PDB file of N, CA and C in Angstrom:
ATOM      1  N   MET A   1     102.443  44.922 114.426  1.00  0.00           N
ATOM      2  CA  MET A   1     103.797  45.109 113.707  1.00  0.00           C
ATOM      3  C   MET A   1     104.310  46.404 113.676  1.00  0.00           C
ATOM      4  N   MET A   2     105.525  46.616 113.837  1.00  0.00           N
ATOM      5  CA  MET A   2     106.049  47.727 113.881  1.00  0.00           C
ATOM      6  C   MET A   2     106.787  48.275 112.716  1.00  0.00           C
ATOM      7  N   MET A   3     106.760  49.419 112.251  1.00  0.00           N
ATOM      8  CA  MET A   3     107.133  49.836 110.912  1.00  0.00           C
ATOM      9  C   MET A   3     108.417  50.546 111.258  1.00  0.00           C
ATOM     10  N   ASP A   4     109.676  50.025 110.345  1.00  0.00           N
ATOM     11  CA  ASP A   4     110.801  50.662 110.267  1.00  0.00           C
ATOM     12  C   ASP A   4     110.753  52.199 110.518  1.00  0.00           C
ATOM     13  N   GLY A   5     111.447  52.773 111.479  1.00  0.00           N
ATOM     14  CA  GLY A   5     111.658  54.080 111.470  1.00  0.00           C
ATOM     15  C   GLY A   5     110.461  55.082 112.384  1.00  0.00           C
ATOM     16  N   PHE A   6     109.335  54.418 112.592  1.00  0.00           N
ATOM     17  CA  PHE A   6     108.253  54.805 113.320  1.00  0.00           C
ATOM     18  C   PHE A   6     107.932  53.941 114.447  1.00  0.00           C
ATOM     19  N   ASP A   7     108.802  53.262 114.853  1.00  0.00           N
ATOM     20  CA  ASP A   7     108.474  52.309 116.254  1.00  0.00           C
ATOM     21  C   ASP A   7     108.368  53.481 117.225  1.00  0.00           C
ATOM     22  N   ASN A   8     107.228  53.285 118.129  1.00  0.00           N
ATOM     23  CA  ASN A   8     107.289  54.230 119.455  1.00  0.00           C
ATOM     24  C   ASN A   8     106.804  53.405 120.618  1.00  0.00           C
ATOM     25  N   LEU A   9     107.822  53.238 121.609  1.00  0.00           N
ATOM     26  CA  LEU A   9     107.410  52.514 122.810  1.00  0.00           C
ATOM     27  C   LEU A   9     107.683  53.479 123.972  1.00  0.00           C
ATOM     28  N   ASP A  10     106.987  53.762 124.832  1.00  0.00           N
ATOM     29  CA  ASP A  10     107.077  54.697 125.996  1.00  0.00           C
ATOM     30  C   ASP A  10     107.604  55.770 125.617  1.00  0.00           C
ATOM     31  N   GLY A  11     107.028  56.414 124.557  1.00  0.00           N
ATOM     32  CA  GLY A  11     107.652  57.878 124.070  1.00  0.00           C
ATOM     33  C   GLY A  11     108.840  57.924 123.291  1.00  0.00           C
ATOM     34  N   ILE A  12     109.504  56.647 123.092  1.00  0.00           N
ATOM     35  CA  ILE A  12     110.781  56.742 122.392  1.00  0.00           C
ATOM     36  C   ILE A  12     110.336  56.537 120.855  1.00  0.00           C
ATOM     37  N   GLU A  13     110.661  57.531 120.187  1.00  0.00           N
ATOM     38  CA  GLU A  13     110.435  57.429 118.827  1.00  0.00           C
ATOM     39  C   GLU A  13     111.870  57.162 118.241  1.00  0.00           C
ATOM     40  N   ASN A  14     111.823  55.744 117.240  1.00  0.00           N
ATOM     41  CA  ASN A  14     112.958  55.012 116.744  1.00  0.00           C
ATOM     42  C   ASN A  14     113.091  55.637 115.225  1.00  0.00           C
ATOM     43  N   THR A  15     114.075  56.227 114.950  1.00  0.00           N
ATOM     44  CA  THR A  15     114.561  56.618 113.644  1.00  0.00           C
ATOM     45  C   THR A  15     115.979  56.258 113.596  1.00  0.00           C
ATOM     46  N   ASP A  16     116.501  56.092 112.129  1.00  0.00           N
ATOM     47  CA  ASP A  16     117.696  55.592 111.719  1.00  0.00           C
ATOM     48  C   ASP A  16     118.639  56.530 112.530  1.00  0.00           C
ATOM     49  N   LYS A  17     118.596  57.969 112.834  1.00  0.00           N
ATOM     50  CA  LYS A  17     119.607  58.969 113.260  1.00  0.00           C
ATOM     51  C   LYS A  17     119.816  58.246 114.911  1.00  0.00           C
ATOM     52  N   ASP A  18     118.831  57.535 115.554  1.00  0.00           N
ATOM     53  CA  ASP A  18     119.121  56.912 116.905  1.00  0.00           C
ATOM     54  C   ASP A  18     119.976  55.678 117.016  1.00  0.00           C
ATOM     55  N   ASP A  19     120.518  55.252 115.898  1.00  0.00           N
ATOM     56  CA  ASP A  19     121.260  54.087 115.866  1.00  0.00           C
ATOM     57  C   ASP A  19     122.707  54.581 116.201  1.00  0.00           C
ATOM     58  N   ILE A  20     123.053  53.805 117.336  1.00  0.00           N
ATOM     59  CA  ILE A  20     124.634  54.090 117.931  1.00  0.00           C
ATOM     60  C   ILE A  20     125.606  53.154 117.262  1.00  0.00           C
ATOM     61  N   TYR A  21     125.096  51.790 117.476  1.00  0.00           N
ATOM     62  CA  TYR A  21     126.040  50.685 117.173  1.00  0.00           C
ATOM     63  C   TYR A  21     125.127  49.613 116.905  1.00  0.00           C
ATOM     64  N   SER A  22     125.576  48.570 115.999  1.00  0.00           N
ATOM     65  CA  SER A  22     125.132  47.629 115.236  1.00  0.00           C
ATOM     66  C   SER A  22     125.965  46.399 115.311  1.00  0.00           C
ATOM     67  N   LYS A  23     125.486  45.235 115.644  1.00  0.00           N
ATOM     68  CA  LYS A  23     125.937  43.896 115.334  1.00  0.00           C
ATOM     69  C   LYS A  23     125.066  42.901 114.745  1.00  0.00           C
ATOM     70  N   VAL A  24     125.607  42.233 113.812  1.00  0.00           N
ATOM     71  CA  VAL A  24     124.592  41.109 112.871  1.00  0.00           C
ATOM     72  C   VAL A  24     125.312  40.070 113.454  1.00  0.00           C
ATOM     73  N   VAL A  25     124.463  38.831 113.785  1.00  0.00           N
ATOM     74  CA  VAL A  25     124.896  37.392 113.947  1.00  0.00           C
ATOM     75  C   VAL A  25     123.925  36.638 113.325  1.00  0.00           C
ATOM     76  N   ARG A  26     124.653  35.989 112.130  1.00  0.00           N
ATOM     77  CA  ARG A  26     123.859  34.890 111.578  1.00  0.00           C
ATOM     78  C   ARG A  26     124.133  33.664 111.925  1.00  0.00           C
ATOM     79  N   ALA A  27     123.087  33.048 112.475  1.00  0.00           N
ATOM     80  CA  ALA A  27     123.150  31.692 113.083  1.00  0.00           C
ATOM     81  C   ALA A  27     122.094  30.854 112.202  1.00  0.00           C
ATOM     82  N   GLY A  28     122.520  29.945 111.615  1.00  0.00           N
ATOM     83  CA  GLY A  28     121.777  28.982 110.722  1.00  0.00           C
ATOM     84  C   GLY A  28     120.699  29.782 109.787  1.00  0.00           C
ATOM     85  N   LYS A  29     119.614  29.452 109.758  1.00  0.00           N
ATOM     86  CA  LYS A  29     118.380  30.166 108.966  1.00  0.00           C
ATOM     87  C   LYS A  29     117.919  31.384 109.722  1.00  0.00           C
ATOM     88  N   ARG A  30     118.371  31.588 110.789  1.00  0.00           N
ATOM     89  CA  ARG A  30     118.042  33.055 111.756  1.00  0.00           C
ATOM     90  C   ARG A  30     119.027  33.939 111.608  1.00  0.00           C
ATOM     91  N   THR A  31     118.680  35.304 111.739  1.00  0.00           N
ATOM     92  CA  THR A  31     119.709  36.324 111.859  1.00  0.00           C
ATOM     93  C   THR A  31     119.257  37.230 112.941  1.00  0.00           C
ATOM     94  N   TYR A  32     120.238  37.761 113.899  1.00  0.00           N
ATOM     95  CA  TYR A  32     120.029  38.487 115.077  1.00  0.00           C
ATOM     96  C   TYR A  32     120.682  39.604 114.774  1.00  0.00           C
ATOM     97  N   PHE A  33     120.099  40.799 115.097  1.00  0.00           N
ATOM     98  CA  PHE A  33     120.463  41.903 115.211  1.00  0.00           C
ATOM     99  C   PHE A  33     120.549  42.658 116.574  1.00  0.00           C
ATOM    100  N   PHE A  34     121.638  43.135 117.086  1.00  0.00           N
ATOM    101  CA  PHE A  34     121.612  43.760 118.342  1.00  0.00           C
ATOM    102  C   PHE A  34     121.969  45.223 118.144  1.00  0.00           C
ATOM    103  N   ASP A  35     120.947  46.103 118.343  1.00  0.00           N
ATOM    104  CA  ASP A  35     120.967  47.473 117.912  1.00  0.00           C
ATOM    105  C   ASP A  35     121.151  48.282 119.110  1.00  0.00           C
ATOM    106  N   VAL A  36     122.215  49.004 119.439  1.00  0.00           N
ATOM    107  CA  VAL A  36     122.248  50.043 120.391  1.00  0.00           C
ATOM    108  C   VAL A  36     121.635  51.469 119.792  1.00  0.00           C
ATOM    109  N   LYS A  37     120.473  51.907 120.659  1.00  0.00           N
ATOM    110  CA  LYS A  37     120.062  53.112 120.180  1.00  0.00           C
ATOM    111  C   LYS A  37     119.897  54.308 121.223  1.00  0.00           C
ATOM    112  N   ALA A  38     119.405  55.364 120.986  1.00  0.00           N
ATOM    113  CA  ALA A  38     119.531  56.224 122.154  1.00  0.00           C
ATOM    114  C   ALA A  38     118.114  57.095 121.981  1.00  0.00           C
ATOM    115  N   THR A  39     117.363  57.487 123.276  1.00  0.00           N
ATOM    116  CA  THR A  39     116.507  58.106 123.384  1.00  0.00           C
ATOM    117  C   THR A  39     116.668  59.511 123.038  1.00  0.00           C
ATOM    118  N   ARG A  40     115.630  60.382 123.219  1.00  0.00           N
ATOM    119  CA  ARG A  40     115.972  61.874 123.115  1.00  0.00           C
ATOM    120  C   ARG A  40     116.800  62.461 124.018  1.00  0.00           C
ATOM    121  N   ARG A  41     116.910  61.955 125.254  1.00  0.00           N
ATOM    122  CA  ARG A  41     117.586  62.318 126.430  1.00  0.00           C
ATOM    123  C   ARG A  41     118.996  61.621 126.539  1.00  0.00           C
ATOM    124  N   ASN A  42     119.194  60.976 125.025  1.00  0.00           N
ATOM    125  CA  ASN A  42     120.815  60.476 125.218  1.00  0.00           C
ATOM    126  C   ASN A  42     120.815  59.098 125.828  1.00  0.00           C
ATOM    127  N   ASP A  43     119.831  58.563 126.563  1.00  0.00           N
ATOM    128  CA  ASP A  43     119.942  57.303 126.984  1.00  0.00           C
ATOM    129  C   ASP A  43     120.227  56.131 126.128  1.00  0.00           C
ATOM    130  N   PHE A  44     120.902  55.446 126.560  1.00  0.00           N
ATOM    131  CA  PHE A  44     121.363  54.311 125.626  1.00  0.00           C
ATOM    132  C   PHE A  44     120.118  53.099 125.716  1.00  0.00           C
ATOM    133  N   TYR A  45     119.832  52.264 124.832  1.00  0.00           N
ATOM    134  CA  TYR A  45     118.752  50.858 125.040  1.00  0.00           C
ATOM    135  C   TYR A  45     119.199  49.990 124.086  1.00  0.00           C
ATOM    136  N   LEU A  46     118.851  49.109 124.084  1.00  0.00           N
ATOM    137  CA  LEU A  46     119.105  47.572 123.257  1.00  0.00           C
ATOM    138  C   LEU A  46     117.677  47.158 122.386  1.00  0.00           C
ATOM    139  N   THR A  47     117.793  47.092 121.277  1.00  0.00           N
ATOM    140  CA  THR A  47     116.843  46.088 120.823  1.00  0.00           C
ATOM    141  C   THR A  47     117.566  45.001 120.162  1.00  0.00           C
ATOM    142  N   ILE A  48     116.704  43.843 120.380  1.00  0.00           N
ATOM    143  CA  ILE A  48     117.209  42.464 119.778  1.00  0.00           C
ATOM    144  C   ILE A  48     116.218  42.281 119.120  1.00  0.00           C
ATOM    145  N   THR A  49     116.578  41.809 117.790  1.00  0.00           N
ATOM    146  CA  THR A  49     115.619  41.472 116.714  1.00  0.00           C
ATOM    147  C   THR A  49     116.208  40.179 116.004  1.00  0.00           C
ATOM    148  N   GLU A  50     115.195  39.087 116.007  1.00  0.00           N
ATOM    149  CA  GLU A  50     115.226  38.095 115.445  1.00  0.00           C
ATOM    150  C   GLU A  50     114.532  38.137 113.991  1.00  0.00           C
ATOM    151  N   SER A  51     115.312  37.724 113.143  1.00  0.00           N
ATOM    152  CA  SER A  51     114.864  37.605 111.706  1.00  0.00           C
ATOM    153  C   SER A  51     114.795  36.532 111.084  1.00  0.00           C
ATOM    154  N   LYS A  52     113.726  35.898 110.443  1.00  0.00           N
ATOM    155  CA  LYS A  52     113.826  34.467 109.819  1.00  0.00           C
ATOM    156  C   LYS A  52     113.269  34.685 108.564  1.00  0.00           C
ATOM    157  N   LYS A  53     113.806  34.063 107.439  1.00  0.00           N
ATOM    158  CA  LYS A  53     113.223  34.089 106.057  1.00  0.00           C
ATOM    159  C   LYS A  53     112.207  33.026 105.941  1.00  0.00           C
ATOM    160  N   ARG A  54     111.025  33.330 105.657  1.00  0.00           N
ATOM    161  CA  ARG A  54     109.802  32.345 105.348  1.00  0.00           C
ATOM    162  C   ARG A  54     109.269  32.574 103.909  1.00  0.00           C
ATOM    163  N   VAL A  55     108.575  31.355 103.575  1.00  0.00           N
ATOM    164  CA  VAL A  55     107.856  31.693 102.342  1.00  0.00           C
ATOM    165  C   VAL A  55     106.431  31.534 102.720  1.00  0.00           C
ATOM    166  N   GLY A  56     105.731  32.558 102.005  1.00  0.00           N
ATOM    167  CA  GLY A  56     104.420  32.690 101.982  1.00  0.00           C
ATOM    168  C   GLY A  56     103.409  31.845 101.146  1.00  0.00           C
ATOM    169  N   ARG A  57     102.542  31.759 101.432  1.00  0.00           N
ATOM    170  CA  ARG A  57     101.260  30.777 100.557  1.00  0.00           C
ATOM    171  C   ARG A  57     101.217  31.073  98.909  1.00  0.00           C
ATOM    172  N   ASP A  58     101.727  32.542  98.829  1.00  0.00           N
ATOM    173  CA  ASP A  58     101.817  32.809  97.402  1.00  0.00           C
ATOM    174  C   ASP A  58     103.133  32.763  96.649  1.00  0.00           C
ATOM    175  N   GLY A  59     103.879  31.886  97.813  1.00  0.00           N
ATOM    176  CA  GLY A  59     105.359  31.494  97.104  1.00  0.00           C
ATOM    177  C   GLY A  59     106.538  32.566  97.198  1.00  0.00           C
ATOM    178  N   LYS A  60     105.919  33.766  97.640  1.00  0.00           N
ATOM    179  CA  LYS A  60     107.100  34.902  97.973  1.00  0.00           C
ATOM    180  C   LYS A  60     107.715  34.567  98.929  1.00  0.00           C
ATOM    181  N   PHE A  61     108.941  35.106  99.231  1.00  0.00           N
ATOM    182  CA  PHE A  61     109.699  35.266 100.296  1.00  0.00           C
ATOM    183  C   PHE A  61     109.518  36.395 101.263  1.00  0.00           C
ATOM    184  N   PHE A  62     109.473  36.266 102.626  1.00  0.00           N
ATOM    185  CA  PHE A  62     109.159  37.448 103.439  1.00  0.00           C
ATOM    186  C   PHE A  62     109.997  37.154 104.753  1.00  0.00           C
ATOM    187  N   PHE A  63     110.300  38.210 105.584  1.00  0.00           N
ATOM    188  CA  PHE A  63     111.040  37.898 106.673  1.00  0.00           C
ATOM    189  C   PHE A  63     110.045  38.062 107.861  1.00  0.00           C
ATOM    190  N   GLU A  64     110.012  37.201 108.957  1.00  0.00           N
ATOM    191  CA  GLU A  64     109.372  36.954 109.931  1.00  0.00           C
ATOM    192  C   GLU A  64     110.286  37.654 111.172  1.00  0.00           C
ATOM    193  N   LYS A  65     109.772  38.861 111.737  1.00  0.00           N
ATOM    194  CA  LYS A  65     110.856  39.433 112.522  1.00  0.00           C
ATOM    195  C   LYS A  65     110.025  39.469 114.076  1.00  0.00           C
ATOM    196  N   HIS A  66     110.903  39.315 115.055  1.00  0.00           N
ATOM    197  CA  HIS A  66     110.686  39.500 116.501  1.00  0.00           C
ATOM    198  C   HIS A  66     111.423  40.235 117.187  1.00  0.00           C
ATOM    199  N   LYS A  67     110.910  41.348 118.040  1.00  0.00           N
ATOM    200  CA  LYS A  67     112.056  42.427 118.673  1.00  0.00           C
ATOM    201  C   LYS A  67     111.470  42.495 120.025  1.00  0.00           C
ATOM    202  N   ILE A  68     112.629  42.779 120.775  1.00  0.00           N
ATOM    203  CA  ILE A  68     112.535  43.100 122.139  1.00  0.00           C
ATOM    204  C   ILE A  68     113.504  44.286 122.275  1.00  0.00           C
ATOM    205  N   PHE A  69     112.778  45.002 123.408  1.00  0.00           N
ATOM    206  CA  PHE A  69     113.703  46.280 123.854  1.00  0.00           C
ATOM    207  C   PHE A  69     114.214  46.151 125.181  1.00  0.00           C
ATOM    208  N   LEU A  70     115.380  46.364 125.319  1.00  0.00           N
ATOM    209  CA  LEU A  70     116.196  46.154 126.797  1.00  0.00           C
ATOM    210  C   LEU A  70     116.721  47.380 127.012  1.00  0.00           C
ATOM    211  N   TYR A  71     116.504  47.746 128.351  1.00  0.00           N
ATOM    212  CA  TYR A  71     116.648  49.106 128.958  1.00  0.00           C
ATOM    213  C   TYR A  71     117.851  48.863 129.985  1.00  0.00           C
ATOM    214  N   LYS A  72     118.716  49.958 130.116  1.00  0.00           N
ATOM    215  CA  LYS A  72     119.635  49.912 130.704  1.00  0.00           C
ATOM    216  C   LYS A  72     119.758  49.528 132.153  1.00  0.00           C
ATOM    217  N   GLU A  73     118.594  49.801 132.744  1.00  0.00           N
ATOM    218  CA  GLU A  73     118.418  49.596 134.008  1.00  0.00           C
ATOM    219  C   GLU A  73     118.304  47.872 134.348  1.00  0.00           C
ATOM    220  N   ASP A  74     117.820  47.183 133.136  1.00  0.00           N
ATOM    221  CA  ASP A  74     117.705  45.867 133.063  1.00  0.00           C
ATOM    222  C   ASP A  74     118.808  45.039 132.586  1.00  0.00           C
ATOM    223  N   PHE A  75     119.824  45.651 132.130  1.00  0.00           N
ATOM    224  CA  PHE A  75     120.994  44.847 131.625  1.00  0.00           C
ATOM    225  C   PHE A  75     121.594  43.840 132.523  1.00  0.00           C
ATOM    226  N   GLU A  76     121.660  44.286 133.830  1.00  0.00           N
ATOM    227  CA  GLU A  76     122.221  43.274 134.551  1.00  0.00           C
ATOM    228  C   GLU A  76     121.665  41.987 134.813  1.00  0.00           C
ATOM    229  N   LYS A  77     120.242  42.413 135.314  1.00  0.00           N
ATOM    230  CA  LYS A  77     119.376  41.058 135.487  1.00  0.00           C
ATOM    231  C   LYS A  77     119.227  40.305 134.452  1.00  0.00           C
ATOM    232  N   PHE A  78     119.020  40.988 133.171  1.00  0.00           N
ATOM    233  CA  PHE A  78     118.697  40.178 131.791  1.00  0.00           C
ATOM    234  C   PHE A  78     120.088  39.214 131.691  1.00  0.00           C
ATOM    235  N   ALA A  79     121.334  39.984 131.633  1.00  0.00           N
ATOM    236  CA  ALA A  79     122.477  39.056 131.375  1.00  0.00           C
ATOM    237  C   ALA A  79     122.524  37.959 132.374  1.00  0.00           C
ATOM    238  N   GLU A  80     122.158  38.155 133.751  1.00  0.00           N
ATOM    239  CA  GLU A  80     122.505  37.184 134.784  1.00  0.00           C
ATOM    240  C   GLU A  80     121.319  36.049 134.208  1.00  0.00           C
ATOM    241  N   GLY A  81     120.246  36.371 134.039  1.00  0.00           N
ATOM    242  CA  GLY A  81     119.266  35.558 133.872  1.00  0.00           C
ATOM    243  C   GLY A  81     119.439  34.616 132.333  1.00  0.00           C
ATOM    244  N   LEU A  82     120.113  35.252 131.366  1.00  0.00           N
ATOM    245  CA  LEU A  82     120.471  34.738 130.203  1.00  0.00           C
ATOM    246  C   LEU A  82     121.738  33.582 130.413  1.00  0.00           C
ATOM    247  N   SER A  83     122.639  33.908 131.089  1.00  0.00           N
ATOM    248  CA  SER A  83     123.812  33.451 131.501  1.00  0.00           C
ATOM    249  C   SER A  83     123.304  32.024 132.175  1.00  0.00           C
ATOM    250  N   GLU A  84     122.422  32.313 133.347  1.00  0.00           N
ATOM    251  CA  GLU A  84     122.007  31.158 133.905  1.00  0.00           C
ATOM    252  C   GLU A  84     121.168  30.056 133.329  1.00  0.00           C
ATOM    253  N   VAL A  85     120.310  30.472 132.210  1.00  0.00           N
ATOM    254  CA  VAL A  85     119.660  29.589 131.466  1.00  0.00           C
ATOM    255  C   VAL A  85     120.459  28.742 130.523  1.00  0.00           C
ATOM    256  N   VAL A  86     121.453  29.344 129.820  1.00  0.00           N
ATOM    257  CA  VAL A  86     122.548  28.868 129.041  1.00  0.00           C
ATOM    258  C   VAL A  86     123.295  27.949 129.770  1.00  0.00           C
ATOM    259  N   ASP A  87     123.636  28.081 130.797  1.00  0.00           N
ATOM    260  CA  ASP A  87     124.432  27.176 131.662  1.00  0.00           C
ATOM    261  C   ASP A  87     123.710  25.966 132.056  1.00  0.00           C
ATOM    262  N   TYR A  88     122.469  26.177 132.434  1.00  0.00           N
ATOM    263  CA  TYR A  88     121.512  25.071 132.484  1.00  0.00           C
ATOM    264  C   TYR A  88     121.385  23.970 131.350  1.00  0.00           C
ATOM    265  N   ILE A  89     120.998  24.813 130.425  1.00  0.00           N
ATOM    266  CA  ILE A  89     120.969  24.104 129.289  1.00  0.00           C
ATOM    267  C   ILE A  89     122.199  23.223 128.575  1.00  0.00           C
ATOM    268  N   ARG A  90     123.269  24.030 128.516  1.00  0.00           N
ATOM    269  CA  ARG A  90     124.426  23.386 128.323  1.00  0.00           C
ATOM    270  C   ARG A  90     124.550  22.115 129.155  1.00  0.00           C
ATOM    271  N   ALA A  91     124.636  22.262 130.664  1.00  0.00           N
ATOM    272  CA  ALA A  91     124.605  21.144 131.741  1.00  0.00           C
ATOM    273  C   ALA A  91     123.720  19.976 131.300  1.00  0.00           C
ATOM    274  N   ARG A  92     122.663  20.238 131.130  1.00  0.00           N
ATOM    275  CA  ARG A  92     121.559  19.273 130.937  1.00  0.00           C
ATOM    276  C   ARG A  92     121.687  18.554 129.472  1.00  0.00           C
ATOM    277  N   GLN A  93     121.889  19.389 128.597  1.00  0.00           N
ATOM    278  CA  GLN A  93     122.177  18.819 127.190  1.00  0.00           C
ATOM    279  C   GLN A  93     123.196  17.826 127.003  1.00  0.00           C
ATOM    280  N   LEU A  94     124.412  17.782 127.752  1.00  0.00           N
ATOM    281  CA  LEU A  94     125.097  16.851 127.711  1.00  0.00           C
ATOM    282  C   LEU A  94     124.820  15.622 128.326  1.00  0.00           C
ATOM    283  N   GLU A  95     123.737  15.587 129.384  1.00  0.00           N
ATOM    284  CA  GLU A  95     123.217  14.422 130.135  1.00  0.00           C
ATOM    285  C   GLU A  95     122.165  13.831 129.255  1.00  0.00           C
ATOM    286  N   MET A  96     121.463  14.398 128.173  1.00  0.00           N
ATOM    287  CA  MET A  96     120.408  13.947 127.266  1.00  0.00           C
ATOM    288  C   MET A  96     120.867  13.199 126.067  1.00  0.00           C
ATOM    289  N   PRO A  97     120.421  12.162 125.673  1.00  0.00           N
ATOM    290  CA  PRO A  97     120.587  11.726 124.073  1.00  0.00           C
ATOM    291  C   PRO A  97     120.173  12.657 123.247  1.00  0.00           C
ATOM    292  N   GLU A  98     120.751  12.727 122.055  1.00  0.00           N
ATOM    293  CA  GLU A  98     120.271  13.670 121.065  1.00  0.00           C
ATOM    294  C   GLU A  98     118.949  13.415 120.625  1.00  0.00           C
ATOM    295  N   GLU A  99     118.495  12.101 120.492  1.00  0.00           N
ATOM    296  CA  GLU A  99     117.112  11.812 119.965  1.00  0.00           C
ATOM    297  C   GLU A  99     115.913  12.229 120.837  1.00  0.00           C
ATOM    298  N   THR A 100     116.348  12.779 121.863  1.00  0.00           N
ATOM    299  CA  THR A 100     115.103  12.981 122.894  1.00  0.00           C
ATOM    300  C   THR A 100     114.745  14.676 122.626  1.00  0.00           C
ATOM    301  N   TYR A 101     115.338  15.529 121.674  1.00  0.00           N
ATOM    302  CA  TYR A 101     114.759  16.658 121.528  1.00  0.00           C
ATOM    303  C   TYR A 101     115.024  17.066 120.089  1.00  0.00           C
ATOM    304  N   ALA A 102     114.046  17.890 119.716  1.00  0.00           N
ATOM    305  CA  ALA A 102     113.997  18.227 118.346  1.00  0.00           C
ATOM    306  C   ALA A 102     114.727  19.555 118.230  1.00  0.00           C
ATOM    307  N   ASP A 103     115.194  19.515 116.990  1.00  0.00           N
ATOM    308  CA  ASP A 103     115.882  20.634 116.621  1.00  0.00           C
ATOM    309  C   ASP A 103     114.848  21.919 116.182  1.00  0.00           C
ATOM    310  N   ASN A 104     114.919  23.089 116.690  1.00  0.00           N
ATOM    311  CA  ASN A 104     114.168  24.347 116.410  1.00  0.00           C
ATOM    312  C   ASN A 104     113.757  24.410 115.094  1.00  0.00           C
ATOM    313  N   GLU A 105     114.823  24.425 114.186  1.00  0.00           N
ATOM    314  CA  GLU A 105     114.518  24.284 113.039  1.00  0.00           C
ATOM    315  C   GLU A 105     113.609  23.181 112.160  1.00  0.00           C
ATOM    316  N   ASP A 106     113.946  22.055 112.821  1.00  0.00           N
ATOM    317  CA  ASP A 106     112.860  20.907 112.354  1.00  0.00           C
ATOM    318  C   ASP A 106     111.384  21.064 112.895  1.00  0.00           C
ATOM    319  N   ILE A 107     111.458  21.619 114.190  1.00  0.00           N
ATOM    320  CA  ILE A 107     109.802  22.050 114.727  1.00  0.00           C
ATOM    321  C   ILE A 107     109.201  23.123 113.671  1.00  0.00           C
ATOM    322  N   GLY A 108     109.949  24.053 113.549  1.00  0.00           N
ATOM    323  CA  GLY A 108     109.471  25.193 112.389  1.00  0.00           C
ATOM    324  C   GLY A 108     109.029  24.617 111.056  1.00  0.00           C
ATOM    325  N   GLU A 109     109.971  23.584 110.739  1.00  0.00           N
ATOM    326  CA  GLU A 109     109.568  23.118 109.201  1.00  0.00           C
ATOM    327  C   GLU A 109     108.372  22.411 109.385  1.00  0.00           C
ATOM    328  N   MET A 110     108.132  21.499 110.517  1.00  0.00           N
ATOM    329  CA  MET A 110     107.038  20.779 110.890  1.00  0.00           C
ATOM    330  C   MET A 110     105.616  21.571 110.968  1.00  0.00           C
ATOM    331  N   GLU A 111     105.699  22.763 111.679  1.00  0.00           N
ATOM    332  CA  GLU A 111     104.708  23.698 111.726  1.00  0.00           C
ATOM    333  C   GLU A 111     104.280  24.242 110.472  1.00  0.00           C
ATOM    334  N   ALA A 112     105.073  24.512 109.608  1.00  0.00           N
ATOM    335  CA  ALA A 112     104.897  25.026 108.273  1.00  0.00           C
ATOM    336  C   ALA A 112     103.991  24.035 107.459  1.00  0.00           C
ATOM    337  N   GLU A 113     104.391  22.868 107.379  1.00  0.00           N
ATOM    338  CA  GLU A 113     103.849  21.917 106.967  1.00  0.00           C
ATOM    339  C   GLU A 113     102.454  21.425 107.044  1.00  0.00           C
ATOM    340  N   LEU A 114     102.247  21.609 108.534  1.00  0.00           N
ATOM    341  CA  LEU A 114     101.137  21.263 109.218  1.00  0.00           C
ATOM    342  C   LEU A 114     100.153  22.462 108.915  1.00  0.00           C
ATOM    343  N   SER A 115     100.516  23.550 108.776  1.00  0.00           N
ATOM    344  CA  SER A 115      99.673  24.853 108.480  1.00  0.00           C
ATOM    345  C   SER A 115      99.350  24.978 106.925  1.00  0.00           C
ATOM    346  N   ASN A 116      99.926  24.048 106.337  1.00  0.00           N
ATOM    347  CA  ASN A 116      99.617  24.235 104.699  1.00  0.00           C
ATOM    348  C   ASN A 116      98.519  22.946 104.385  1.00  0.00           C
ATOM    349  N   LEU A 117      98.127  22.185 105.263  1.00  0.00           N
ATOM    350  CA  LEU A 117      97.323  21.101 105.122  1.00  0.00           C
ATOM    351  C   LEU A 117      95.884  21.619 104.863  1.00  0.00           C
ATOM    352  N   SER A 118      95.005  20.877 104.020  1.00  0.00           N
ATOM    353  CA  SER A 118      93.690  21.194 103.888  1.00  0.00           C
ATOM    354  C   SER A 118      92.982  20.023 103.947  1.00  0.00           C
ATOM    355  N   PHE A 119      91.694  19.979 103.768  1.00  0.00           N
ATOM    356  CA  PHE A 119      90.875  18.590 103.786  1.00  0.00           C
ATOM    357  C   PHE A 119      91.193  17.874 102.657  1.00  0.00           C
ATOM    358  N   GLU A 120      91.407  18.657 101.470  1.00  0.00           N
ATOM    359  CA  GLU A 120      91.648  17.790 100.044  1.00  0.00           C
ATOM    360  C   GLU A 120      92.783  17.052 100.555  1.00  0.00           C
ATOM    361  N   ASP A 121      93.727  17.559 101.224  1.00  0.00           N
ATOM    362  CA  ASP A 121      95.163  16.731 101.340  1.00  0.00           C
ATOM    363  C   ASP A 121      94.757  15.413 102.100  1.00  0.00           C
ATOM    364  N   LEU A 122      93.866  15.336 102.949  1.00  0.00           N
ATOM    365  CA  LEU A 122      93.479  14.178 103.848  1.00  0.00           C
ATOM    366  C   LEU A 122      92.875  12.867 103.061  1.00  0.00           C
ATOM    367  N   GLY A 123      92.440  13.461 102.021  1.00  0.00           N
ATOM    368  CA  GLY A 123      91.667  12.198 101.227  1.00  0.00           C
ATOM    369  C   GLY A 123      90.371  12.043 101.604  1.00  0.00           C
ATOM    370  N   SER A 124      89.500  11.270 100.958  1.00  0.00           N
ATOM    371  CA  SER A 124      88.129  10.903 101.654  1.00  0.00           C
ATOM    372  C   SER A 124      88.136   9.360 101.433  1.00  0.00           C
ATOM    373  N   LYS A 125      87.469   8.844 102.306  1.00  0.00           N
ATOM    374  CA  LYS A 125      87.360   7.294 102.451  1.00  0.00           C
ATOM    375  C   LYS A 125      86.211   6.781 101.867  1.00  0.00           C
TER     376      LYS A 125
END
């Protein structure tokens, strides 16, 4: 797990002063952060963070975060790959009836319910 202000990847120290530009996208139960940052040599790179509010076993809320780093030399290939995959999904999704695929939100809720099962929940025969 990375700590805010102290991320270190390939010699890049991430502090708030490195933030150049940020874009927040709220999408349902998830929030995406697109942050442009700069290295010590003033080369820009992008961090993409997915954040989702979760409830812990103690009933308290916390945010589950996943982060990727994208460097300028990879921007074009990443954008091409993302575009190709999104086009593929859009084309195939129109061909498939809605009942044949589950919503990611539903899957997450099912996983959370299953992870909270205990043997006492199963009952005894």
